[in-house]
Amino acid sequence: MNGCKLSPLGLGLAFGVLWGISILILGLLAYYYTYGHGFVLAVGSLYPGYEPSIKGSLLGAVIGFIDAFITGFLIAWLYNLFSGCKCVCCDTKMSGEVIKKKRKVIKKDAEAK
């Protein structure tokens, strides 16, 4: 990681896709094989319309994607807020000259060690 920031959009999409697909597969498994039926009913109490059916599984996948996307986005945003990253690679507001000067200082520090 090297002290750089997390991408809130990237982490949100990763969480959303994984959880949405998981909810879809579990809903379909509960519909066809009754495997995980209790889990689907429990999550269905949080996600309106999510039930062991094809329509319910698709609806649950959409709601699950949105839920996990928001969660992943907030986790990355809070991490970036509290990590206090001050590295050159994260500071996109710096002008080219300032970045070049900082790189020279970093290079000199590395050579001194």
PDB file of N, CA and C in Angstrom:
ATOM      1  N   MET A   1       0.829  -1.187   0.000  1.00  0.00           N
ATOM      2  CA  MET A   1       0.000   0.000   0.000  1.00  0.00           C
ATOM      3  C   MET A   1       0.872   1.248   0.000  1.00  0.00           C
ATOM      4  N   ASN A   2       1.966   1.227   0.691  1.00  0.00           N
ATOM      5  CA  ASN A   2       2.956   2.294   0.674  1.00  0.00           C
ATOM      6  C   ASN A   2       2.389   3.635   1.125  1.00  0.00           C
ATOM      7  N   GLY A   3       1.431   3.637   2.027  1.00  0.00           N
ATOM      8  CA  GLY A   3       0.929   4.866   2.609  1.00  0.00           C
ATOM      9  C   GLY A   3       0.026   5.704   1.730  1.00  0.00           C
ATOM     10  N   CYS A   4      -0.440   5.194   0.627  1.00  0.00           N
ATOM     11  CA  CYS A   4      -1.304   5.974  -0.260  1.00  0.00           C
ATOM     12  C   CYS A   4      -2.772   5.787   0.106  1.00  0.00           C
ATOM     13  N   LYS A   5      -3.601   6.604  -0.509  1.00  0.00           N
ATOM     14  CA  LYS A   5      -5.028   6.590  -0.197  1.00  0.00           C
ATOM     15  C   LYS A   5      -5.757   5.447  -0.894  1.00  0.00           C
ATOM     16  N   LEU A   6      -6.905   5.086  -0.324  1.00  0.00           N
ATOM     17  CA  LEU A   6      -7.803   4.116  -0.946  1.00  0.00           C
ATOM     18  C   LEU A   6      -8.773   4.857  -1.864  1.00  0.00           C
ATOM     19  N   SER A   7      -9.197   4.200  -2.903  1.00  0.00           N
ATOM     20  CA  SER A   7     -10.193   4.781  -3.799  1.00  0.00           C
ATOM     21  C   SER A   7     -11.584   4.437  -3.270  1.00  0.00           C
ATOM     22  N   PRO A   8     -12.343   5.432  -2.802  1.00  0.00           N
ATOM     23  CA  PRO A   8     -13.686   5.143  -2.301  1.00  0.00           C
ATOM     24  C   PRO A   8     -14.593   4.506  -3.355  1.00  0.00           C
ATOM     25  N   LEU A   9     -14.504   4.970  -4.581  1.00  0.00           N
ATOM     26  CA  LEU A   9     -15.328   4.408  -5.646  1.00  0.00           C
ATOM     27  C   LEU A   9     -14.932   2.960  -5.931  1.00  0.00           C
ATOM     28  N   GLY A  10     -13.632   2.706  -5.997  1.00  0.00           N
ATOM     29  CA  GLY A  10     -13.149   1.348  -6.261  1.00  0.00           C
ATOM     30  C   GLY A  10     -13.533   0.369  -5.167  1.00  0.00           C
ATOM     31  N   LEU A  11     -13.352   0.770  -3.910  1.00  0.00           N
ATOM     32  CA  LEU A  11     -13.705  -0.124  -2.807  1.00  0.00           C
ATOM     33  C   LEU A  11     -15.215  -0.312  -2.735  1.00  0.00           C
ATOM     34  N   GLY A  12     -15.966   0.748  -2.989  1.00  0.00           N
ATOM     35  CA  GLY A  12     -17.418   0.638  -3.003  1.00  0.00           C
ATOM     36  C   GLY A  12     -17.911  -0.325  -4.070  1.00  0.00           C
ATOM     37  N   LEU A  13     -17.337  -0.230  -5.257  1.00  0.00           N
ATOM     38  CA  LEU A  13     -17.729  -1.148  -6.332  1.00  0.00           C
ATOM     39  C   LEU A  13     -17.343  -2.589  -6.007  1.00  0.00           C
ATOM     40  N   ALA A  14     -16.159  -2.786  -5.450  1.00  0.00           N
ATOM     41  CA  ALA A  14     -15.725  -4.144  -5.096  1.00  0.00           C
ATOM     42  C   ALA A  14     -16.656  -4.756  -4.057  1.00  0.00           C
ATOM     43  N   PHE A  15     -16.956  -4.011  -2.997  1.00  0.00           N
ATOM     44  CA  PHE A  15     -17.875  -4.511  -1.972  1.00  0.00           C
ATOM     45  C   PHE A  15     -19.252  -4.778  -2.569  1.00  0.00           C
ATOM     46  N   GLY A  16     -19.752  -3.833  -3.367  1.00  0.00           N
ATOM     47  CA  GLY A  16     -21.088  -3.951  -3.935  1.00  0.00           C
ATOM     48  C   GLY A  16     -21.239  -5.146  -4.851  1.00  0.00           C
ATOM     49  N   VAL A  17     -20.274  -5.349  -5.729  1.00  0.00           N
ATOM     50  CA  VAL A  17     -20.350  -6.481  -6.663  1.00  0.00           C
ATOM     51  C   VAL A  17     -20.287  -7.806  -5.909  1.00  0.00           C
ATOM     52  N   LEU A  18     -19.348  -7.927  -4.981  1.00  0.00           N
ATOM     53  CA  LEU A  18     -19.223  -9.192  -4.240  1.00  0.00           C
ATOM     54  C   LEU A  18     -20.474  -9.505  -3.418  1.00  0.00           C
ATOM     55  N   TRP A  19     -20.996  -8.514  -2.710  1.00  0.00           N
ATOM     56  CA  TRP A  19     -22.170  -8.763  -1.868  1.00  0.00           C
ATOM     57  C   TRP A  19     -23.425  -8.964  -2.717  1.00  0.00           C
ATOM     58  N   GLY A  20     -23.571  -8.206  -3.786  1.00  0.00           N
ATOM     59  CA  GLY A  20     -24.733  -8.370  -4.661  1.00  0.00           C
ATOM     60  C   GLY A  20     -24.786  -9.751  -5.288  1.00  0.00           C
ATOM     61  N   ILE A  21     -23.645 -10.238  -5.783  1.00  0.00           N
ATOM     62  CA  ILE A  21     -23.596 -11.584  -6.365  1.00  0.00           C
ATOM     63  C   ILE A  21     -23.848 -12.640  -5.296  1.00  0.00           C
ATOM     64  N   SER A  22     -23.298 -12.438  -4.107  1.00  0.00           N
ATOM     65  CA  SER A  22     -23.518 -13.398  -3.018  1.00  0.00           C
ATOM     66  C   SER A  22     -24.991 -13.492  -2.647  1.00  0.00           C
ATOM     67  N   ILE A  23     -25.645 -12.351  -2.533  1.00  0.00           N
ATOM     68  CA  ILE A  23     -27.070 -12.329  -2.193  1.00  0.00           C
ATOM     69  C   ILE A  23     -27.891 -13.002  -3.289  1.00  0.00           C
ATOM     70  N   LEU A  24     -27.553 -12.746  -4.545  1.00  0.00           N
ATOM     71  CA  LEU A  24     -28.258 -13.367  -5.666  1.00  0.00           C
ATOM     72  C   LEU A  24     -28.113 -14.886  -5.621  1.00  0.00           C
ATOM     73  N   ILE A  25     -26.901 -15.375  -5.467  1.00  0.00           N
ATOM     74  CA  ILE A  25     -26.654 -16.821  -5.456  1.00  0.00           C
ATOM     75  C   ILE A  25     -27.334 -17.484  -4.265  1.00  0.00           C
ATOM     76  N   LEU A  26     -27.244 -16.876  -3.089  1.00  0.00           N
ATOM     77  CA  LEU A  26     -27.892 -17.471  -1.915  1.00  0.00           C
ATOM     78  C   LEU A  26     -29.412 -17.486  -2.053  1.00  0.00           C
ATOM     79  N   GLY A  27     -29.974 -16.441  -2.639  1.00  0.00           N
ATOM     80  CA  GLY A  27     -31.420 -16.422  -2.863  1.00  0.00           C
ATOM     81  C   GLY A  27     -31.867 -17.511  -3.816  1.00  0.00           C
ATOM     82  N   LEU A  28     -31.094 -17.720  -4.885  1.00  0.00           N
ATOM     83  CA  LEU A  28     -31.436 -18.775  -5.845  1.00  0.00           C
ATOM     84  C   LEU A  28     -31.230 -20.168  -5.248  1.00  0.00           C
ATOM     85  N   LEU A  29     -30.188 -20.338  -4.445  1.00  0.00           N
ATOM     86  CA  LEU A  29     -29.981 -21.629  -3.773  1.00  0.00           C
ATOM     87  C   LEU A  29     -31.127 -21.941  -2.817  1.00  0.00           C
ATOM     88  N   ALA A  30     -31.583 -20.924  -2.099  1.00  0.00           N
ATOM     89  CA  ALA A  30     -32.704 -21.134  -1.182  1.00  0.00           C
ATOM     90  C   ALA A  30     -33.985 -21.455  -1.945  1.00  0.00           C
ATOM     91  N   TYR A  31     -34.144 -20.898  -3.130  1.00  0.00           N
ATOM     92  CA  TYR A  31     -35.339 -21.148  -3.938  1.00  0.00           C
ATOM     93  C   TYR A  31     -35.339 -22.563  -4.511  1.00  0.00           C
ATOM     94  N   TYR A  32     -34.215 -22.984  -5.070  1.00  0.00           N
ATOM     95  CA  TYR A  32     -34.157 -24.284  -5.740  1.00  0.00           C
ATOM     96  C   TYR A  32     -33.866 -25.452  -4.795  1.00  0.00           C
ATOM     97  N   TYR A  33     -33.023 -25.250  -3.792  1.00  0.00           N
ATOM     98  CA  TYR A  33     -32.581 -26.366  -2.945  1.00  0.00           C
ATOM     99  C   TYR A  33     -32.886 -26.178  -1.465  1.00  0.00           C
ATOM    100  N   THR A  34     -33.471 -25.108  -1.068  1.00  0.00           N
ATOM    101  CA  THR A  34     -33.760 -24.727   0.321  1.00  0.00           C
ATOM    102  C   THR A  34     -32.501 -24.586   1.172  1.00  0.00           C
ATOM    103  N   TYR A  35     -31.335 -24.521   0.541  1.00  0.00           N
ATOM    104  CA  TYR A  35     -30.094 -24.294   1.276  1.00  0.00           C
ATOM    105  C   TYR A  35     -30.008 -22.813   1.646  1.00  0.00           C
ATOM    106  N   GLY A  36     -29.772 -22.499   2.905  1.00  0.00           N
ATOM    107  CA  GLY A  36     -29.655 -21.120   3.353  1.00  0.00           C
ATOM    108  C   GLY A  36     -30.976 -20.394   3.452  1.00  0.00           C
ATOM    109  N   HIS A  37     -32.055 -21.151   3.548  1.00  0.00           N
ATOM    110  CA  HIS A  37     -33.392 -20.544   3.597  1.00  0.00           C
ATOM    111  C   HIS A  37     -33.533 -19.602   4.793  1.00  0.00           C
ATOM    112  N   GLY A  38     -33.023 -20.026   5.946  1.00  0.00           N
ATOM    113  CA  GLY A  38     -33.097 -19.180   7.143  1.00  0.00           C
ATOM    114  C   GLY A  38     -32.315 -17.882   6.988  1.00  0.00           C
ATOM    115  N   PHE A  39     -31.148 -17.973   6.343  1.00  0.00           N
ATOM    116  CA  PHE A  39     -30.336 -16.777   6.107  1.00  0.00           C
ATOM    117  C   PHE A  39     -31.070 -15.798   5.194  1.00  0.00           C
ATOM    118  N   VAL A  40     -31.683 -16.334   4.149  1.00  0.00           N
ATOM    119  CA  VAL A  40     -32.412 -15.477   3.211  1.00  0.00           C
ATOM    120  C   VAL A  40     -33.582 -14.800   3.917  1.00  0.00           C
ATOM    121  N   LEU A  41     -34.267 -15.518   4.769  1.00  0.00           N
ATOM    122  CA  LEU A  41     -35.375 -14.913   5.511  1.00  0.00           C
ATOM    123  C   LEU A  41     -34.876 -13.842   6.476  1.00  0.00           C
ATOM    124  N   ALA A  42     -33.730 -14.090   7.114  1.00  0.00           N
ATOM    125  CA  ALA A  42     -33.173 -13.104   8.044  1.00  0.00           C
ATOM    126  C   ALA A  42     -32.741 -11.833   7.309  1.00  0.00           C
ATOM    127  N   VAL A  43     -32.045 -11.998   6.190  1.00  0.00           N
ATOM    128  CA  VAL A  43     -31.625 -10.828   5.412  1.00  0.00           C
ATOM    129  C   VAL A  43     -32.845 -10.147   4.797  1.00  0.00           C
ATOM    130  N   GLY A  44     -33.870 -10.934   4.472  1.00  0.00           N
ATOM    131  CA  GLY A  44     -35.103 -10.379   3.927  1.00  0.00           C
ATOM    132  C   GLY A  44     -35.804  -9.441   4.891  1.00  0.00           C
ATOM    133  N   SER A  45     -35.539  -9.601   6.186  1.00  0.00           N
ATOM    134  CA  SER A  45     -36.123  -8.669   7.148  1.00  0.00           C
ATOM    135  C   SER A  45     -35.441  -7.300   7.076  1.00  0.00           C
ATOM    136  N   LEU A  46     -34.232  -7.252   6.510  1.00  0.00           N
ATOM    137  CA  LEU A  46     -33.521  -5.983   6.332  1.00  0.00           C
ATOM    138  C   LEU A  46     -33.676  -5.419   4.923  1.00  0.00           C
ATOM    139  N   TYR A  47     -33.753  -6.304   3.933  1.00  0.00           N
ATOM    140  CA  TYR A  47     -33.890  -5.912   2.531  1.00  0.00           C
ATOM    141  C   TYR A  47     -35.322  -6.192   2.084  1.00  0.00           C
ATOM    142  N   PRO A  48     -36.169  -5.172   1.957  1.00  0.00           N
ATOM    143  CA  PRO A  48     -37.563  -5.397   1.575  1.00  0.00           C
ATOM    144  C   PRO A  48     -37.676  -6.078   0.207  1.00  0.00           C
ATOM    145  N   GLY A  49     -38.449  -7.141   0.147  1.00  0.00           N
ATOM    146  CA  GLY A  49     -38.669  -7.856  -1.104  1.00  0.00           C
ATOM    147  C   GLY A  49     -37.722  -9.012  -1.338  1.00  0.00           C
ATOM    148  N   TYR A  50     -36.680  -9.132  -0.515  1.00  0.00           N
ATOM    149  CA  TYR A  50     -35.726 -10.236  -0.688  1.00  0.00           C
ATOM    150  C   TYR A  50     -36.317 -11.491  -0.073  1.00  0.00           C
ATOM    151  N   GLU A  51     -36.528 -12.484  -0.913  1.00  0.00           N
ATOM    152  CA  GLU A  51     -37.111 -13.756  -0.490  1.00  0.00           C
ATOM    153  C   GLU A  51     -36.590 -14.846  -1.413  1.00  0.00           C
ATOM    154  N   PRO A  52     -36.773 -16.108  -1.039  1.00  0.00           N
ATOM    155  CA  PRO A  52     -36.283 -17.199  -1.890  1.00  0.00           C
ATOM    156  C   PRO A  52     -37.140 -17.381  -3.147  1.00  0.00           C
ATOM    157  N   SER A  53     -36.947 -16.499  -4.107  1.00  0.00           N
ATOM    158  CA  SER A  53     -37.593 -16.588  -5.422  1.00  0.00           C
ATOM    159  C   SER A  53     -36.669 -15.910  -6.431  1.00  0.00           C
ATOM    160  N   ILE A  54     -36.974 -16.066  -7.699  1.00  0.00           N
ATOM    161  CA  ILE A  54     -36.121 -15.451  -8.713  1.00  0.00           C
ATOM    162  C   ILE A  54     -36.229 -13.927  -8.641  1.00  0.00           C
ATOM    163  N   LYS A  55     -37.451 -13.426  -8.594  1.00  0.00           N
ATOM    164  CA  LYS A  55     -37.661 -11.982  -8.504  1.00  0.00           C
ATOM    165  C   LYS A  55     -37.083 -11.419  -7.205  1.00  0.00           C
ATOM    166  N   GLY A  56     -37.320 -12.125  -6.099  1.00  0.00           N
ATOM    167  CA  GLY A  56     -36.792 -11.685  -4.808  1.00  0.00           C
ATOM    168  C   GLY A  56     -35.271 -11.698  -4.762  1.00  0.00           C
ATOM    169  N   SER A  57     -34.665 -12.692  -5.421  1.00  0.00           N
ATOM    170  CA  SER A  57     -33.204 -12.771  -5.456  1.00  0.00           C
ATOM    171  C   SER A  57     -32.609 -11.612  -6.247  1.00  0.00           C
ATOM    172  N   LEU A  58     -33.230 -11.272  -7.376  1.00  0.00           N
ATOM    173  CA  LEU A  58     -32.748 -10.142  -8.176  1.00  0.00           C
ATOM    174  C   LEU A  58     -32.901  -8.820  -7.426  1.00  0.00           C
ATOM    175  N   LEU A  59     -34.042  -8.656  -6.770  1.00  0.00           N
ATOM    176  CA  LEU A  59     -34.271  -7.450  -5.984  1.00  0.00           C
ATOM    177  C   LEU A  59     -33.281  -7.363  -4.825  1.00  0.00           C
ATOM    178  N   GLY A  60     -33.049  -8.482  -4.156  1.00  0.00           N
ATOM    179  CA  GLY A  60     -32.081  -8.516  -3.060  1.00  0.00           C
ATOM    180  C   GLY A  60     -30.672  -8.209  -3.530  1.00  0.00           C
ATOM    181  N   ALA A  61     -30.318  -8.681  -4.732  1.00  0.00           N
ATOM    182  CA  ALA A  61     -28.987  -8.410  -5.279  1.00  0.00           C
ATOM    183  C   ALA A  61     -28.794  -6.915  -5.528  1.00  0.00           C
ATOM    184  N   VAL A  62     -29.825  -6.256  -6.033  1.00  0.00           N
ATOM    185  CA  VAL A  62     -29.734  -4.810  -6.285  1.00  0.00           C
ATOM    186  C   VAL A  62     -29.615  -4.049  -4.965  1.00  0.00           C
ATOM    187  N   ILE A  63     -30.468  -4.390  -4.010  1.00  0.00           N
ATOM    188  CA  ILE A  63     -30.418  -3.716  -2.711  1.00  0.00           C
ATOM    189  C   ILE A  63     -29.094  -4.019  -2.009  1.00  0.00           C
ATOM    190  N   GLY A  64     -28.630  -5.260  -2.103  1.00  0.00           N
ATOM    191  CA  GLY A  64     -27.354  -5.641  -1.502  1.00  0.00           C
ATOM    192  C   GLY A  64     -26.186  -4.895  -2.123  1.00  0.00           C
ATOM    193  N   PHE A  65     -26.218  -4.729  -3.457  1.00  0.00           N
ATOM    194  CA  PHE A  65     -25.165  -3.963  -4.127  1.00  0.00           C
ATOM    195  C   PHE A  65     -25.125  -2.535  -3.596  1.00  0.00           C
ATOM    196  N   ILE A  66     -26.285  -1.900  -3.510  1.00  0.00           N
ATOM    197  CA  ILE A  66     -26.347  -0.512  -3.032  1.00  0.00           C
ATOM    198  C   ILE A  66     -25.854  -0.420  -1.592  1.00  0.00           C
ATOM    199  N   ASP A  67     -26.301  -1.335  -0.757  1.00  0.00           N
ATOM    200  CA  ASP A  67     -25.907  -1.356   0.648  1.00  0.00           C
ATOM    201  C   ASP A  67     -24.396  -1.510   0.795  1.00  0.00           C
ATOM    202  N   ALA A  68     -23.818  -2.481   0.112  1.00  0.00           N
ATOM    203  CA  ALA A  68     -22.383  -2.739   0.233  1.00  0.00           C
ATOM    204  C   ALA A  68     -21.553  -1.652  -0.449  1.00  0.00           C
ATOM    205  N   PHE A  69     -22.073  -1.063  -1.533  1.00  0.00           N
ATOM    206  CA  PHE A  69     -21.351   0.037  -2.183  1.00  0.00           C
ATOM    207  C   PHE A  69     -21.197   1.207  -1.221  1.00  0.00           C
ATOM    208  N   ILE A  70     -22.289   1.570  -0.559  1.00  0.00           N
ATOM    209  CA  ILE A  70     -22.237   2.674   0.405  1.00  0.00           C
ATOM    210  C   ILE A  70     -21.277   2.338   1.540  1.00  0.00           C
ATOM    211  N   THR A  71     -21.320   1.102   2.020  1.00  0.00           N
ATOM    212  CA  THR A  71     -20.425   0.677   3.099  1.00  0.00           C
ATOM    213  C   THR A  71     -18.963   0.774   2.670  1.00  0.00           C
ATOM    214  N   GLY A  72     -18.627   0.230   1.514  1.00  0.00           N
ATOM    215  CA  GLY A  72     -17.251   0.286   1.023  1.00  0.00           C
ATOM    216  C   GLY A  72     -16.781   1.711   0.777  1.00  0.00           C
ATOM    217  N   PHE A  73     -17.654   2.535   0.227  1.00  0.00           N
ATOM    218  CA  PHE A  73     -17.318   3.937  -0.019  1.00  0.00           C
ATOM    219  C   PHE A  73     -16.995   4.643   1.291  1.00  0.00           C
ATOM    220  N   LEU A  74     -17.848   4.436   2.303  1.00  0.00           N
ATOM    221  CA  LEU A  74     -17.629   5.090   3.596  1.00  0.00           C
ATOM    222  C   LEU A  74     -16.372   4.581   4.293  1.00  0.00           C
ATOM    223  N   ILE A  75     -16.088   3.289   4.192  1.00  0.00           N
ATOM    224  CA  ILE A  75     -14.873   2.741   4.804  1.00  0.00           C
ATOM    225  C   ILE A  75     -13.638   3.396   4.189  1.00  0.00           C
ATOM    226  N   ALA A  76     -13.573   3.475   2.860  1.00  0.00           N
ATOM    227  CA  ALA A  76     -12.419   4.088   2.195  1.00  0.00           C
ATOM    228  C   ALA A  76     -12.326   5.576   2.519  1.00  0.00           C
ATOM    229  N   TRP A  77     -13.450   6.258   2.538  1.00  0.00           N
ATOM    230  CA  TRP A  77     -13.452   7.685   2.830  1.00  0.00           C
ATOM    231  C   TRP A  77     -12.961   7.951   4.251  1.00  0.00           C
ATOM    232  N   LEU A  78     -13.463   7.170   5.207  1.00  0.00           N
ATOM    233  CA  LEU A  78     -13.022   7.337   6.591  1.00  0.00           C
ATOM    234  C   LEU A  78     -11.553   6.968   6.761  1.00  0.00           C
ATOM    235  N   TYR A  79     -11.110   5.911   6.091  1.00  0.00           N
ATOM    236  CA  TYR A  79      -9.699   5.528   6.158  1.00  0.00           C
ATOM    237  C   TYR A  79      -8.819   6.671   5.654  1.00  0.00           C
ATOM    238  N   ASN A  80      -9.180   7.241   4.525  1.00  0.00           N
ATOM    239  CA  ASN A  80      -8.402   8.353   3.973  1.00  0.00           C
ATOM    240  C   ASN A  80      -8.433   9.567   4.895  1.00  0.00           C
ATOM    241  N   LEU A  81      -9.557   9.797   5.537  1.00  0.00           N
ATOM    242  CA  LEU A  81      -9.691  10.928   6.446  1.00  0.00           C
ATOM    243  C   LEU A  81      -8.799  10.766   7.672  1.00  0.00           C
ATOM    244  N   PHE A  82      -8.774   9.563   8.256  1.00  0.00           N
ATOM    245  CA  PHE A  82      -8.044   9.336   9.496  1.00  0.00           C
ATOM    246  C   PHE A  82      -6.589   8.934   9.299  1.00  0.00           C
ATOM    247  N   SER A  83      -6.207   8.517   8.102  1.00  0.00           N
ATOM    248  CA  SER A  83      -4.826   8.068   7.899  1.00  0.00           C
ATOM    249  C   SER A  83      -3.852   9.238   7.823  1.00  0.00           C
ATOM    250  N   GLY A  84      -4.326  10.405   7.451  1.00  0.00           N
ATOM    251  CA  GLY A  84      -3.466  11.580   7.400  1.00  0.00           C
ATOM    252  C   GLY A  84      -2.338  11.440   6.398  1.00  0.00           C
ATOM    253  N   CYS A  85      -2.624  10.899   5.250  1.00  0.00           N
ATOM    254  CA  CYS A  85      -1.611  10.662   4.225  1.00  0.00           C
ATOM    255  C   CYS A  85      -1.028  11.989   3.739  1.00  0.00           C
ATOM    256  N   LYS A  86       0.291  12.092   3.775  1.00  0.00           N
ATOM    257  CA  LYS A  86       0.976  13.300   3.321  1.00  0.00           C
ATOM    258  C   LYS A  86       1.991  12.991   2.222  1.00  0.00           C
ATOM    259  N   CYS A  87       1.854  11.854   1.566  1.00  0.00           N
ATOM    260  CA  CYS A  87       2.858  11.462   0.575  1.00  0.00           C
ATOM    261  C   CYS A  87       2.672  12.221  -0.738  1.00  0.00           C
ATOM    262  N   VAL A  88       3.733  12.279  -1.518  1.00  0.00           N
ATOM    263  CA  VAL A  88       3.724  13.016  -2.779  1.00  0.00           C
ATOM    264  C   VAL A  88       2.736  12.407  -3.765  1.00  0.00           C
ATOM    265  N   CYS A  89       2.628  11.077  -3.784  1.00  0.00           N
ATOM    266  CA  CYS A  89       1.756  10.426  -4.765  1.00  0.00           C
ATOM    267  C   CYS A  89       0.285  10.744  -4.534  1.00  0.00           C
ATOM    268  N   CYS A  90      -0.088  11.109  -3.327  1.00  0.00           N
ATOM    269  CA  CYS A  90      -1.489  11.396  -3.021  1.00  0.00           C
ATOM    270  C   CYS A  90      -1.846  12.868  -3.201  1.00  0.00           C
ATOM    271  N   ASP A  91      -0.865  13.723  -3.159  1.00  0.00           N
ATOM    272  CA  ASP A  91      -1.144  15.149  -3.208  1.00  0.00           C
ATOM    273  C   ASP A  91      -1.245  15.603  -4.657  1.00  0.00           C
ATOM    274  N   THR A  92      -2.435  15.563  -5.210  1.00  0.00           N
ATOM    275  CA  THR A  92      -2.628  15.902  -6.622  1.00  0.00           C
ATOM    276  C   THR A  92      -2.730  17.404  -6.852  1.00  0.00           C
ATOM    277  N   LYS A  93      -2.790  18.195  -5.800  1.00  0.00           N
ATOM    278  CA  LYS A  93      -2.940  19.636  -5.953  1.00  0.00           C
ATOM    279  C   LYS A  93      -1.594  20.345  -6.105  1.00  0.00           C
ATOM    280  N   MET A  94      -0.508  19.608  -5.938  1.00  0.00           N
ATOM    281  CA  MET A  94       0.814  20.229  -6.017  1.00  0.00           C
ATOM    282  C   MET A  94       1.178  20.534  -7.467  1.00  0.00           C
ATOM    283  N   SER A  95       1.896  21.622  -7.662  1.00  0.00           N
ATOM    284  CA  SER A  95       2.361  21.944  -9.016  1.00  0.00           C
ATOM    285  C   SER A  95       3.540  21.050  -9.368  1.00  0.00           C
ATOM    286  N   GLY A  96       3.871  21.000 -10.640  1.00  0.00           N
ATOM    287  CA  GLY A  96       4.954  20.145 -11.110  1.00  0.00           C
ATOM    288  C   GLY A  96       6.288  20.481 -10.477  1.00  0.00           C
ATOM    289  N   GLU A  97       6.573  21.783 -10.252  1.00  0.00           N
ATOM    290  CA  GLU A  97       7.848  22.185  -9.662  1.00  0.00           C
ATOM    291  C   GLU A  97       7.994  21.688  -8.238  1.00  0.00           C
ATOM    292  N   VAL A  98       6.952  21.834  -7.464  1.00  0.00           N
ATOM    293  CA  VAL A  98       7.005  21.401  -6.073  1.00  0.00           C
ATOM    294  C   VAL A  98       7.216  19.894  -6.004  1.00  0.00           C
ATOM    295  N   ILE A  99       6.571  19.154  -6.877  1.00  0.00           N
ATOM    296  CA  ILE A  99       6.731  17.698  -6.894  1.00  0.00           C
ATOM    297  C   ILE A  99       8.168  17.334  -7.244  1.00  0.00           C
ATOM    298  N   LYS A 100       8.751  18.018  -8.231  1.00  0.00           N
ATOM    299  CA  LYS A 100      10.138  17.733  -8.607  1.00  0.00           C
ATOM    300  C   LYS A 100      11.084  18.009  -7.447  1.00  0.00           C
ATOM    301  N   LYS A 101      10.877  19.123  -6.734  1.00  0.00           N
ATOM    302  CA  LYS A 101      11.732  19.451  -5.591  1.00  0.00           C
ATOM    303  C   LYS A 101      11.604  18.399  -4.498  1.00  0.00           C
ATOM    304  N   LYS A 102      10.377  17.974  -4.224  1.00  0.00           N
ATOM    305  CA  LYS A 102      10.173  16.958  -3.189  1.00  0.00           C
ATOM    306  C   LYS A 102      10.831  15.646  -3.579  1.00  0.00           C
ATOM    307  N   ARG A 103      10.765  15.282  -4.855  1.00  0.00           N
ATOM    308  CA  ARG A 103      11.396  14.043  -5.311  1.00  0.00           C
ATOM    309  C   ARG A 103      12.904  14.107  -5.127  1.00  0.00           C
ATOM    310  N   LYS A 104      13.502  15.279  -5.390  1.00  0.00           N
ATOM    311  CA  LYS A 104      14.940  15.432  -5.196  1.00  0.00           C
ATOM    312  C   LYS A 104      15.308  15.261  -3.727  1.00  0.00           C
ATOM    313  N   VAL A 105      14.516  15.843  -2.842  1.00  0.00           N
ATOM    314  CA  VAL A 105      14.772  15.716  -1.407  1.00  0.00           C
ATOM    315  C   VAL A 105      14.641  14.265  -0.979  1.00  0.00           C
ATOM    316  N   ILE A 106      13.626  13.581  -1.452  1.00  0.00           N
ATOM    317  CA  ILE A 106      13.425  12.173  -1.110  1.00  0.00           C
ATOM    318  C   ILE A 106      14.583  11.336  -1.635  1.00  0.00           C
ATOM    319  N   LYS A 107      15.032  11.638  -2.845  1.00  0.00           N
ATOM    320  CA  LYS A 107      16.145  10.888  -3.441  1.00  0.00           C
ATOM    321  C   LYS A 107      17.425  11.108  -2.641  1.00  0.00           C
ATOM    322  N   LYS A 108      17.687  12.359  -2.220  1.00  0.00           N
ATOM    323  CA  LYS A 108      18.871  12.652  -1.409  1.00  0.00           C
ATOM    324  C   LYS A 108      18.807  11.935  -0.071  1.00  0.00           C
ATOM    325  N   ASP A 109      17.621  11.895   0.543  1.00  0.00           N
ATOM    326  CA  ASP A 109      17.457  11.187   1.815  1.00  0.00           C
ATOM    327  C   ASP A 109      17.723   9.703   1.652  1.00  0.00           C
ATOM    328  N   ALA A 110      17.278   9.136   0.554  1.00  0.00           N
ATOM    329  CA  ALA A 110      17.483   7.707   0.308  1.00  0.00           C
ATOM    330  C   ALA A 110      18.961   7.406   0.074  1.00  0.00           C
ATOM    331  N   GLU A 111      19.667   8.299  -0.629  1.00  0.00           N
ATOM    332  CA  GLU A 111      21.091   8.094  -0.875  1.00  0.00           C
ATOM    333  C   GLU A 111      21.900   8.241   0.407  1.00  0.00           C
ATOM    334  N   ALA A 112      21.449   9.107   1.312  1.00  0.00           N
ATOM    335  CA  ALA A 112      22.163   9.322   2.571  1.00  0.00           C
ATOM    336  C   ALA A 112      22.091   8.098   3.476  1.00  0.00           C
ATOM    337  N   LYS A 113      21.044   7.322   3.336  1.00  0.00           N
ATOM    338  CA  LYS A 113      20.891   6.126   4.174  1.00  0.00           C
ATOM    339  C   LYS A 113      21.740   5.058   3.610  1.00  0.00           C
TER     340      LYS A 113
END
